[in-house]
Amino acid sequence: MTQRFVPIMADAKTASALLCMKVGEFRSLVEAGHLPGPCQVGDFERWHVRDLERIATGEAVDGQGEIAW
């Protein structure tokens, strides 16, 4: 049986792939403040996958209160 691991942190290449975009597009959105910046883990930049998921689902939106659709 093969074990599958779900990443809790991702490098720029993996983070951009999770959001279906090119690395350059991802980095541009990070630099513009539309996506969270990375954490430093030693010499490495890593993004929290949970933060990216919260943005993709709209859970990370601040100031909207409860929205009724």
N, C-alpha and C. Protein backbone atom coordinates (compact mmCIF):
# COMPACT_ATOMS: atom_id res chain seq x y z
N MET A 1 0.84 -1.17 0.00
CA MET A 1 0.00 0.00 0.00
C MET A 1 0.89 1.25 0.00
N THR A 2 0.59 2.20 -0.88
CA THR A 2 1.35 3.42 -1.00
C THR A 2 0.76 4.49 -0.10
N GLN A 3 1.62 5.17 0.66
CA GLN A 3 1.17 6.26 1.50
C GLN A 3 1.14 7.54 0.69
N ARG A 4 0.09 8.32 0.86
CA ARG A 4 0.01 9.62 0.21
C ARG A 4 0.05 10.68 1.29
N PHE A 5 0.91 11.64 1.10
CA PHE A 5 1.04 12.73 2.05
C PHE A 5 0.38 13.98 1.49
N VAL A 6 -0.31 14.69 2.33
CA VAL A 6 -0.90 15.96 1.96
C VAL A 6 0.03 17.04 2.52
N PRO A 7 0.55 17.90 1.65
CA PRO A 7 1.51 18.90 2.14
C PRO A 7 0.85 19.92 3.05
N ILE A 8 1.57 20.33 4.09
CA ILE A 8 1.09 21.41 4.95
C ILE A 8 1.78 22.72 4.58
N MET A 9 2.92 22.62 3.89
CA MET A 9 3.62 23.78 3.36
C MET A 9 4.07 23.44 1.94
N ALA A 10 4.20 24.47 1.12
CA ALA A 10 4.56 24.24 -0.28
C ALA A 10 5.55 25.30 -0.76
N ASP A 11 6.41 24.90 -1.68
CA ASP A 11 7.28 25.88 -2.32
C ASP A 11 6.46 26.63 -3.37
N ALA A 12 7.06 27.63 -4.01
CA ALA A 12 6.33 28.46 -4.98
C ALA A 12 5.79 27.64 -6.14
N LYS A 13 6.54 26.66 -6.60
CA LYS A 13 6.09 25.84 -7.72
C LYS A 13 4.84 25.04 -7.35
N THR A 14 4.87 24.42 -6.18
CA THR A 14 3.72 23.62 -5.74
C THR A 14 2.54 24.52 -5.40
N ALA A 15 2.80 25.63 -4.71
CA ALA A 15 1.73 26.55 -4.34
C ALA A 15 1.03 27.10 -5.58
N SER A 16 1.79 27.46 -6.59
CA SER A 16 1.18 27.97 -7.82
C SER A 16 0.39 26.87 -8.53
N ALA A 17 0.90 25.66 -8.52
CA ALA A 17 0.18 24.54 -9.14
C ALA A 17 -1.14 24.27 -8.41
N LEU A 18 -1.14 24.40 -7.08
CA LEU A 18 -2.37 24.20 -6.31
C LEU A 18 -3.44 25.20 -6.71
N LEU A 19 -3.02 26.38 -7.15
CA LEU A 19 -3.96 27.42 -7.56
C LEU A 19 -4.11 27.48 -9.09
N CYS A 20 -3.58 26.50 -9.78
CA CYS A 20 -3.68 26.39 -11.25
C CYS A 20 -3.16 27.63 -11.96
N MET A 21 -1.97 28.07 -11.56
CA MET A 21 -1.37 29.21 -12.24
C MET A 21 0.13 28.99 -12.40
N LYS A 22 0.71 29.81 -13.23
CA LYS A 22 2.15 29.74 -13.44
C LYS A 22 2.86 30.37 -12.25
N VAL A 23 4.11 29.97 -12.04
CA VAL A 23 4.89 30.48 -10.90
C VAL A 23 5.00 32.00 -10.97
N GLY A 24 5.23 32.54 -12.15
CA GLY A 24 5.34 33.99 -12.30
C GLY A 24 4.06 34.71 -11.93
N GLU A 25 2.93 34.14 -12.32
CA GLU A 25 1.63 34.73 -11.97
C GLU A 25 1.43 34.70 -10.45
N PHE A 26 1.77 33.56 -9.85
CA PHE A 26 1.65 33.39 -8.41
C PHE A 26 2.50 34.43 -7.68
N ARG A 27 3.77 34.53 -8.08
CA ARG A 27 4.67 35.48 -7.42
C ARG A 27 4.20 36.92 -7.60
N SER A 28 3.64 37.26 -8.76
CA SER A 28 3.11 38.61 -8.98
C SER A 28 1.97 38.91 -8.02
N LEU A 29 1.09 37.95 -7.80
CA LEU A 29 -0.03 38.14 -6.88
C LEU A 29 0.46 38.25 -5.44
N VAL A 30 1.51 37.51 -5.11
CA VAL A 30 2.10 37.62 -3.77
C VAL A 30 2.71 39.02 -3.59
N GLU A 31 3.48 39.47 -4.58
CA GLU A 31 4.13 40.78 -4.49
C GLU A 31 3.11 41.91 -4.42
N ALA A 32 1.95 41.74 -5.08
CA ALA A 32 0.91 42.76 -5.08
C ALA A 32 0.07 42.71 -3.80
N GLY A 33 0.29 41.71 -2.97
CA GLY A 33 -0.45 41.60 -1.71
C GLY A 33 -1.77 40.87 -1.82
N HIS A 34 -2.06 40.29 -2.99
CA HIS A 34 -3.32 39.56 -3.18
C HIS A 34 -3.27 38.15 -2.60
N LEU A 35 -2.07 37.63 -2.47
CA LEU A 35 -1.86 36.32 -1.86
C LEU A 35 -0.85 36.49 -0.73
N PRO A 36 -0.91 35.62 0.27
CA PRO A 36 0.02 35.76 1.40
C PRO A 36 1.46 35.50 0.99
N GLY A 37 2.34 36.13 1.70
CA GLY A 37 3.77 35.92 1.47
C GLY A 37 4.22 34.61 2.10
N PRO A 38 5.42 34.21 1.78
CA PRO A 38 5.95 32.95 2.30
C PRO A 38 6.47 33.09 3.72
N CYS A 39 6.67 31.97 4.35
CA CYS A 39 7.37 31.87 5.64
C CYS A 39 8.79 31.42 5.31
N GLN A 40 9.72 31.87 6.10
CA GLN A 40 11.10 31.40 5.95
C GLN A 40 11.29 30.17 6.82
N VAL A 41 11.73 29.10 6.20
CA VAL A 41 12.08 27.86 6.91
C VAL A 41 13.56 27.63 6.59
N GLY A 42 14.40 28.12 7.47
CA GLY A 42 15.84 28.09 7.16
C GLY A 42 16.09 29.00 5.97
N ASP A 43 16.70 28.46 4.94
CA ASP A 43 16.98 29.21 3.72
C ASP A 43 15.85 29.11 2.70
N PHE A 44 14.76 28.45 3.04
CA PHE A 44 13.69 28.15 2.10
C PHE A 44 12.46 29.01 2.33
N GLU A 45 11.77 29.36 1.24
CA GLU A 45 10.48 30.03 1.31
C GLU A 45 9.39 28.97 1.16
N ARG A 46 8.43 29.00 2.07
CA ARG A 46 7.33 28.03 2.00
C ARG A 46 6.01 28.74 2.34
N TRP A 47 4.95 28.31 1.66
CA TRP A 47 3.61 28.83 1.90
C TRP A 47 2.80 27.78 2.65
N HIS A 48 1.98 28.24 3.59
CA HIS A 48 1.07 27.35 4.30
C HIS A 48 -0.07 26.98 3.35
N VAL A 49 -0.23 25.71 3.08
CA VAL A 49 -1.28 25.25 2.17
C VAL A 49 -2.65 25.65 2.71
N ARG A 50 -2.84 25.59 4.02
CA ARG A 50 -4.13 25.96 4.62
C ARG A 50 -4.48 27.41 4.31
N ASP A 51 -3.50 28.32 4.32
CA ASP A 51 -3.76 29.72 3.97
C ASP A 51 -4.22 29.86 2.53
N LEU A 52 -3.60 29.10 1.64
CA LEU A 52 -4.00 29.13 0.23
C LEU A 52 -5.40 28.56 0.05
N GLU A 53 -5.72 27.50 0.79
CA GLU A 53 -7.07 26.92 0.73
C GLU A 53 -8.11 27.93 1.22
N ARG A 54 -7.81 28.65 2.29
CA ARG A 54 -8.74 29.63 2.85
C ARG A 54 -9.01 30.76 1.85
N ILE A 55 -8.02 31.13 1.07
CA ILE A 55 -8.21 32.16 0.05
C ILE A 55 -9.07 31.62 -1.08
N ALA A 56 -8.78 30.39 -1.52
CA ALA A 56 -9.52 29.79 -2.62
C ALA A 56 -10.99 29.58 -2.29
N THR A 57 -11.31 29.31 -1.03
CA THR A 57 -12.70 29.07 -0.64
C THR A 57 -13.41 30.34 -0.21
N GLY A 58 -12.69 31.45 -0.08
CA GLY A 58 -13.29 32.69 0.37
C GLY A 58 -13.33 32.82 1.88
N GLU A 59 -12.85 31.82 2.58
CA GLU A 59 -12.84 31.82 4.04
C GLU A 59 -11.94 32.92 4.62
N ALA A 60 -10.97 33.37 3.84
CA ALA A 60 -9.99 34.34 4.34
C ALA A 60 -10.45 35.79 4.16
N VAL A 61 -11.65 36.01 3.63
CA VAL A 61 -12.14 37.37 3.41
C VAL A 61 -12.45 38.02 4.75
N ASP A 62 -11.88 39.20 4.95
CA ASP A 62 -12.11 39.94 6.20
C ASP A 62 -13.11 41.07 5.95
N GLY A 63 -13.87 41.40 6.96
CA GLY A 63 -14.74 42.56 6.90
C GLY A 63 -16.05 42.35 6.17
N GLN A 64 -16.35 41.15 5.76
CA GLN A 64 -17.58 40.89 5.04
C GLN A 64 -18.73 40.47 5.95
N GLY A 65 -18.39 40.09 7.19
CA GLY A 65 -19.43 39.60 8.08
C GLY A 65 -20.01 38.31 7.52
N GLU A 66 -21.21 38.04 7.88
CA GLU A 66 -21.87 36.83 7.35
C GLU A 66 -22.60 37.20 6.07
N ILE A 67 -22.32 36.49 5.02
CA ILE A 67 -22.94 36.76 3.72
C ILE A 67 -24.02 35.73 3.46
N ALA A 68 -25.21 36.18 3.16
CA ALA A 68 -26.31 35.28 2.80
C ALA A 68 -26.47 35.33 1.29
N TRP A 69 -26.37 34.21 0.67
CA TRP A 69 -26.48 34.14 -0.80
C TRP A 69 -27.88 33.88 -1.24
